[in-house]
Amino acid sequence: DRNRPYKYDSYEFELRPLITVSGYPGETGYTSINEVSRVLGSFIDIAKISGNQINLLTKESLFLINEQQNIDQEMINAIKRNEFNLVYQPRVNMRTGNIAGCEALIRWNNQSLGNISPAVFIPRAEATGFIHSITDWVIATAGIANKQMVKKFGDTFTTGVNLSAVNIRSPGLPAKIEAITKEYEITPQCFDFEVTESLLSEDSKVVIDTLTAIRNSGAQTALDDFGTGYSSLSLLTYLPLDYLKIDQAFTQRLDQPESDRDIRIVRAIRDLGYACNLEIIAEGMETQKQVDVLLKDIDVSFGQGYFFGKPMALEAFMDTF
């Protein structure tokens, strides 16, 4: 039965059939099975993203495959070439107005391909497994930068680092974080590791076990983009979390003429978070009116968005705040 979950050890997985179809010579112009086999792995990655269970290899697919292969090839040496860099977006204590932390965001400027969006290269890094090397680099770089930030903003200043689904499913992640913090003499308490709500709809036990181990090391954890996924609300009652981040899809509507309903929704999310002993972070704040509403009508702990500051290099961050 293909709809029956597959159980391994204490974990449960859902299996979903995926069929990829290619003919030759056909539309692609291929004349041998060897040529088809050369792009099969990349085509399967594209098929997974499409959401379709049956996928046909076309000229458009080949264009995407060639683009992905270029990215994959360039990414191998990106760390060695110092092509990655981090930018930091401030997080503000809404009650005091003080800088309370930041979120570290990765950027990639490649010597051949130029600036590549994280929305493009992160999925490729996940598909190839290179995401583990990138995450290691981000943790080390953000941790070293946090040392400077703590000196200026105080010991409670924390840096948010995003973890992908591939990271979370790796059983060695907590040990890797511990090894990096020891190697660079970084305090684990300086981090809050963020996972997206969509992760909770699959392998929730794996996510919970990993987040628990991370928190046991002294680091904090956050649930990002809350309100846009499909996870069960009951998960919040036992997830090992410290922060709940309200997605910008909600906060950016708070300054609209018909915003009463959105205010009630954000207030309900806030109440839910507080009931679970979580601090609330409102993302995507861009206008003074949004800030005023969140302060007077909703009362959240922290705010983040272009109103307070765009993501910026470390030097600019230290000079600006």
Protein backbone atom coordinates (compact mmCIF):
# COMPACT_ATOMS: atom_id res chain seq x y z
CA ASP A 1 0.00 0.00 0.00
CA ARG A 2 1.77 3.17 -1.21
CA ASN A 3 -0.30 5.34 1.14
CA ARG A 4 0.83 3.49 4.24
CA PRO A 5 3.64 5.23 6.22
CA TYR A 6 6.98 3.42 6.31
CA LYS A 7 8.35 2.79 9.79
CA TYR A 8 12.04 2.50 10.62
CA ASP A 9 13.23 2.19 14.21
CA SER A 10 11.15 4.76 16.11
CA TYR A 11 10.67 7.00 13.07
CA GLU A 12 7.80 7.09 10.59
CA PHE A 13 8.11 8.26 6.98
CA GLU A 14 5.61 8.93 4.20
CA LEU A 15 6.60 7.51 0.80
CA ARG A 16 5.46 9.24 -2.39
CA PRO A 17 5.99 7.66 -5.84
CA LEU A 18 7.76 9.84 -8.42
CA ILE A 19 7.98 8.92 -12.11
CA THR A 20 10.29 10.63 -14.62
CA VAL A 21 9.91 9.95 -18.34
CA SER A 22 12.32 10.63 -21.21
CA GLY A 23 12.50 9.39 -24.78
CA TYR A 24 15.22 9.67 -27.38
CA PRO A 25 15.82 11.22 -29.75
CA GLY A 26 12.47 12.89 -29.08
CA GLU A 27 12.18 16.58 -28.16
CA THR A 28 15.51 16.66 -26.32
CA GLY A 29 17.56 15.53 -29.31
CA TYR A 30 19.29 12.77 -27.36
CA THR A 31 20.36 9.77 -29.41
CA SER A 32 21.55 7.38 -26.70
CA ILE A 33 20.56 6.18 -23.27
CA ASN A 34 23.94 7.35 -21.94
CA GLU A 35 23.05 10.97 -22.73
CA VAL A 36 19.74 10.60 -20.92
CA SER A 37 21.44 8.98 -17.92
CA ARG A 38 23.85 11.92 -17.63
CA VAL A 39 21.06 14.32 -16.67
CA LEU A 40 18.80 11.86 -14.85
CA GLY A 41 19.84 12.85 -11.33
CA SER A 42 19.27 16.57 -11.96
CA PHE A 43 15.96 15.87 -13.67
CA ILE A 44 14.76 13.94 -10.62
CA ASP A 45 15.60 16.97 -8.45
CA ILE A 46 13.49 19.17 -10.74
CA ALA A 47 10.67 16.65 -10.64
CA LYS A 48 10.66 16.67 -6.83
CA ILE A 49 10.31 20.45 -6.76
CA SER A 50 7.52 20.45 -9.36
CA GLY A 51 5.17 18.50 -7.11
CA ASN A 52 4.00 16.35 -10.02
CA GLN A 53 4.17 12.58 -9.68
CA ILE A 54 4.74 12.06 -13.43
CA ASN A 55 7.31 14.30 -15.19
CA LEU A 56 8.41 14.44 -18.83
CA LEU A 57 11.94 15.55 -19.79
CA THR A 58 11.64 18.52 -22.18
CA LYS A 59 13.87 21.25 -23.65
CA GLU A 60 12.79 23.52 -20.80
CA SER A 61 13.86 20.86 -18.33
CA LEU A 62 17.29 20.65 -20.03
CA PHE A 63 17.75 24.41 -19.69
CA LEU A 64 17.06 24.19 -15.95
CA ILE A 65 19.38 21.19 -15.65
CA ASN A 66 22.27 23.03 -17.34
CA GLU A 67 21.70 26.02 -15.06
CA GLN A 68 21.68 23.79 -11.99
CA GLN A 69 24.83 21.96 -13.04
CA ASN A 70 26.65 25.28 -13.46
CA ILE A 71 25.57 26.32 -9.97
CA ASP A 72 26.56 22.95 -8.51
CA GLN A 73 30.01 23.14 -10.11
CA GLU A 74 30.70 26.70 -8.97
CA MET A 75 29.40 26.05 -5.45
CA ILE A 76 32.05 23.37 -4.80
CA ASN A 77 34.79 25.98 -4.47
CA ALA A 78 32.70 28.93 -3.28
CA ILE A 79 33.89 28.70 0.33
CA LYS A 80 37.55 28.38 -0.67
CA ARG A 81 37.21 31.43 -2.92
CA ASN A 82 35.53 33.45 -0.14
CA GLU A 83 32.53 34.05 -2.38
CA PHE A 84 29.99 33.67 0.40
CA ASN A 85 29.33 36.48 2.83
CA LEU A 86 26.87 37.15 5.63
CA VAL A 87 24.64 40.14 6.12
CA TYR A 88 22.87 40.88 9.39
CA GLN A 89 19.36 42.25 9.91
CA PRO A 90 18.67 43.83 13.31
CA ARG A 91 16.09 42.54 15.77
CA VAL A 92 14.68 45.19 18.11
CA ASN A 93 13.16 44.95 21.58
CA MET A 94 9.75 46.53 20.94
CA ARG A 95 9.34 47.68 24.52
CA THR A 96 12.72 49.40 24.95
CA GLY A 97 13.70 50.16 21.36
CA ASN A 98 17.14 48.63 21.93
CA ILE A 99 18.90 46.29 19.53
CA ALA A 100 18.38 42.80 20.96
CA GLY A 101 19.81 40.57 18.26
CA CYS A 102 20.03 39.96 14.54
CA GLU A 103 19.47 37.35 11.86
CA ALA A 104 22.42 36.18 9.75
CA LEU A 105 21.56 35.84 6.06
CA ILE A 106 23.87 34.35 3.44
CA ARG A 107 24.74 35.95 0.09
CA TRP A 108 26.75 34.52 -2.82
CA ASN A 109 28.64 36.55 -5.42
CA ASN A 110 30.21 34.11 -7.89
CA GLN A 111 33.08 35.11 -10.17
CA SER A 112 31.35 33.61 -13.23
CA LEU A 113 27.62 33.72 -12.49
CA GLY A 114 27.44 36.97 -10.51
CA ASN A 115 25.05 37.42 -7.58
CA ILE A 116 22.97 34.31 -7.05
CA SER A 117 19.85 34.44 -4.92
CA PRO A 118 19.65 32.15 -1.86
CA ALA A 119 16.29 31.05 -3.24
CA VAL A 120 18.23 29.57 -6.17
CA PHE A 121 21.38 28.13 -4.63
CA ILE A 122 20.08 26.88 -1.27
CA PRO A 123 17.81 24.24 -2.90
CA ARG A 124 20.78 23.13 -4.98
CA ALA A 125 22.96 22.93 -1.89
CA GLU A 126 20.30 20.81 -0.21
CA ALA A 127 20.00 18.50 -3.21
CA THR A 128 23.76 17.95 -3.47
CA GLY A 129 24.47 17.78 0.28
CA PHE A 130 26.73 20.85 0.13
CA ILE A 131 24.30 22.53 2.52
CA HIS A 132 26.18 20.92 5.41
CA SER A 133 29.43 22.69 4.49
CA ILE A 134 27.57 25.97 3.98
CA THR A 135 25.83 25.67 7.36
CA ASP A 136 29.12 24.92 9.11
CA TRP A 137 30.62 28.04 7.53
CA VAL A 138 27.61 30.17 8.49
CA ILE A 139 27.68 29.02 12.13
CA ALA A 140 31.40 29.73 12.45
CA THR A 141 31.25 33.10 10.67
CA ALA A 142 28.14 34.30 12.50
CA GLY A 143 29.54 33.14 15.83
CA ILE A 144 32.80 35.02 15.33
CA ALA A 145 30.84 38.16 14.35
CA ASN A 146 28.64 37.76 17.43
CA LYS A 147 31.72 38.16 19.63
CA GLN A 148 32.05 41.74 18.36
CA MET A 149 28.34 42.40 18.68
CA VAL A 150 28.16 41.19 22.28
CA LYS A 151 30.89 43.65 23.27
CA LYS A 152 28.74 46.51 22.00
CA PHE A 153 25.18 45.35 22.66
CA GLY A 154 25.55 43.16 25.76
CA ASP A 155 25.66 39.49 26.69
CA THR A 156 22.00 38.85 25.83
CA PHE A 157 22.52 39.73 22.15
CA THR A 158 21.80 36.67 19.97
CA THR A 159 22.30 35.86 16.30
CA GLY A 160 19.69 33.89 14.38
CA VAL A 161 20.94 31.17 12.03
CA ASN A 162 18.60 29.37 9.63
CA LEU A 163 18.68 25.58 9.46
CA SER A 164 17.35 23.73 6.43
CA ALA A 165 15.33 20.54 6.42
CA VAL A 166 18.45 18.64 5.35
CA ASN A 167 20.38 20.02 8.33
CA ILE A 168 17.67 19.07 10.78
CA ARG A 169 17.42 15.51 9.47
CA SER A 170 21.16 14.99 9.97
CA PRO A 171 21.74 13.14 13.26
CA GLY A 172 25.21 14.65 13.51
CA LEU A 173 24.04 18.29 13.54
CA PRO A 174 24.10 18.89 17.34
CA ALA A 175 27.61 17.38 17.61
CA LYS A 176 28.76 19.51 14.66
CA ILE A 177 27.45 22.68 16.30
CA GLU A 178 29.24 21.75 19.52
CA ALA A 179 32.50 21.10 17.64
CA ILE A 180 32.34 24.45 15.81
CA THR A 181 31.62 26.44 18.97
CA LYS A 182 34.54 24.80 20.73
CA GLU A 183 36.95 25.26 17.83
CA TYR A 184 36.23 28.99 17.49
CA GLU A 185 35.59 29.57 21.22
CA ILE A 186 32.02 30.66 20.56
CA THR A 187 29.40 30.65 23.30
CA PRO A 188 26.44 28.45 22.22
CA GLN A 189 24.09 30.85 24.02
CA CYS A 190 24.82 33.47 21.34
CA PHE A 191 22.76 31.54 18.78
CA ASP A 192 19.09 31.02 18.11
CA PHE A 193 18.68 28.40 15.41
CA GLU A 194 15.63 28.87 13.20
CA VAL A 195 13.52 26.22 11.48
CA THR A 196 10.49 26.83 9.29
CA GLU A 197 6.99 25.72 10.18
CA SER A 198 6.78 23.52 7.07
CA LEU A 199 9.36 21.19 8.64
CA LEU A 200 6.91 20.19 11.32
CA SER A 201 4.51 18.53 8.90
CA GLU A 202 7.06 15.75 8.28
CA ASP A 203 9.38 13.77 10.52
CA SER A 204 8.25 15.75 13.59
CA LYS A 205 10.04 13.35 15.96
CA VAL A 206 13.34 13.91 14.14
CA VAL A 207 12.85 17.68 14.35
CA ILE A 208 11.97 17.54 18.05
CA ASP A 209 14.95 15.30 18.91
CA THR A 210 17.37 17.57 17.04
CA LEU A 211 16.00 20.80 18.50
CA THR A 212 16.12 19.28 21.99
CA ALA A 213 19.79 18.39 21.57
CA ILE A 214 20.55 21.89 20.28
CA ARG A 215 18.81 23.51 23.25
CA ASN A 216 20.63 21.21 25.65
CA SER A 217 23.88 22.66 24.33
CA GLY A 218 22.80 26.11 25.53
CA ALA A 219 21.63 27.57 22.22
CA GLN A 220 18.09 28.85 21.66
CA THR A 221 15.63 27.81 18.96
CA ALA A 222 12.98 29.60 16.91
CA LEU A 223 10.06 28.64 14.70
CA ASP A 224 10.18 30.82 11.56
CA ASP A 225 7.39 31.90 9.19
CA PHE A 226 4.68 30.85 11.60
CA GLY A 227 1.16 30.96 10.19
CA THR A 228 2.02 30.03 6.60
CA GLY A 229 2.47 26.27 7.01
CA TYR A 230 0.23 23.36 7.81
CA SER A 231 1.59 22.03 11.07
CA SER A 232 -0.63 20.96 13.92
CA LEU A 233 -1.05 23.62 16.59
CA SER A 234 -0.70 20.89 19.20
CA LEU A 235 2.98 20.57 18.24
CA LEU A 236 3.65 23.95 19.83
CA THR A 237 2.79 22.56 23.24
CA TYR A 238 5.83 20.28 23.31
CA LEU A 239 8.26 21.65 20.73
CA PRO A 240 11.58 22.69 22.32
CA LEU A 241 11.38 26.35 21.26
CA ASP A 242 12.24 29.78 22.63
CA TYR A 243 10.90 32.09 19.91
CA LEU A 244 7.90 32.18 17.60
CA LYS A 245 8.36 34.35 14.49
CA ILE A 246 5.16 35.72 12.95
CA ASP A 247 5.43 35.69 9.17
CA GLN A 248 5.56 39.01 7.33
CA ALA A 249 2.46 38.04 5.37
CA PHE A 250 0.51 39.04 8.50
CA THR A 251 2.49 42.02 9.79
CA GLN A 252 2.66 43.81 6.43
CA ARG A 253 -1.13 44.06 6.29
CA LEU A 254 -1.44 45.80 9.65
CA ASP A 255 -1.29 49.28 8.12
CA GLN A 256 -4.02 48.64 5.56
CA PRO A 257 -7.47 50.29 5.85
CA GLU A 258 -9.20 46.94 6.43
CA SER A 259 -6.74 45.61 9.00
CA ASP A 260 -9.00 44.77 11.95
CA ARG A 261 -9.15 41.10 11.00
CA ASP A 262 -5.37 40.91 10.57
CA ILE A 263 -4.85 42.54 13.96
CA ARG A 264 -7.05 39.90 15.57
CA ILE A 265 -5.15 37.11 13.79
CA VAL A 266 -1.74 38.41 14.87
CA ARG A 267 -3.03 38.91 18.42
CA ALA A 268 -4.27 35.30 18.43
CA ILE A 269 -0.84 34.06 17.27
CA ARG A 270 0.76 36.15 20.01
CA ASP A 271 -1.54 34.66 22.64
CA LEU A 272 -0.81 31.17 21.38
CA GLY A 273 2.93 31.79 21.63
CA TYR A 274 2.70 33.28 25.10
CA ALA A 275 0.58 30.32 26.23
CA CYS A 276 3.50 28.10 25.17
CA ASN A 277 6.01 30.33 27.03
CA LEU A 278 7.54 31.64 23.81
CA GLU A 279 8.88 35.09 23.00
CA ILE A 280 7.26 36.60 19.89
CA ILE A 281 9.14 38.14 16.97
CA ALA A 282 7.17 40.02 14.30
CA GLU A 283 8.90 39.88 10.91
CA GLY A 284 8.62 42.13 7.87
CA MET A 285 7.95 45.43 9.63
CA GLU A 286 8.31 48.26 7.11
CA THR A 287 6.21 51.25 8.21
CA GLN A 288 5.71 53.37 11.29
CA LYS A 289 2.01 52.44 11.38
CA GLN A 290 2.84 48.72 11.48
CA VAL A 291 5.15 49.39 14.41
CA ASP A 292 2.51 51.48 16.19
CA VAL A 293 -0.13 48.76 15.78
CA LEU A 294 2.22 46.06 17.07
CA LEU A 295 3.10 48.22 20.07
CA LYS A 296 -0.32 49.56 21.04
CA ASP A 297 -2.81 46.96 19.83
CA ILE A 298 -0.87 43.70 19.90
CA ASP A 299 2.21 44.03 22.16
CA VAL A 300 4.88 41.66 20.83
CA SER A 301 8.34 41.21 22.30
CA PHE A 302 10.58 41.82 19.30
CA GLY A 303 10.40 43.27 15.80
CA GLN A 304 12.42 42.75 12.64
CA GLY A 305 12.16 44.33 9.21
CA TYR A 306 13.29 47.12 6.90
CA PHE A 307 11.78 49.74 9.23
CA PHE A 308 14.57 48.99 11.70
CA GLY A 309 17.23 48.16 9.14
CA LYS A 310 17.95 46.20 5.98
CA PRO A 311 20.37 43.26 6.08
CA MET A 312 23.87 44.73 6.09
CA ALA A 313 27.51 43.74 6.34
CA LEU A 314 29.05 43.40 9.80
CA GLU A 315 30.98 46.67 9.58
CA ALA A 316 27.88 48.60 8.57
CA PHE A 317 25.84 46.93 11.31
CA MET A 318 28.35 47.95 13.97
CA ASP A 319 28.52 51.51 12.66
CA THR A 320 24.76 51.96 12.27
CA PHE A 321 23.56 50.83 15.71
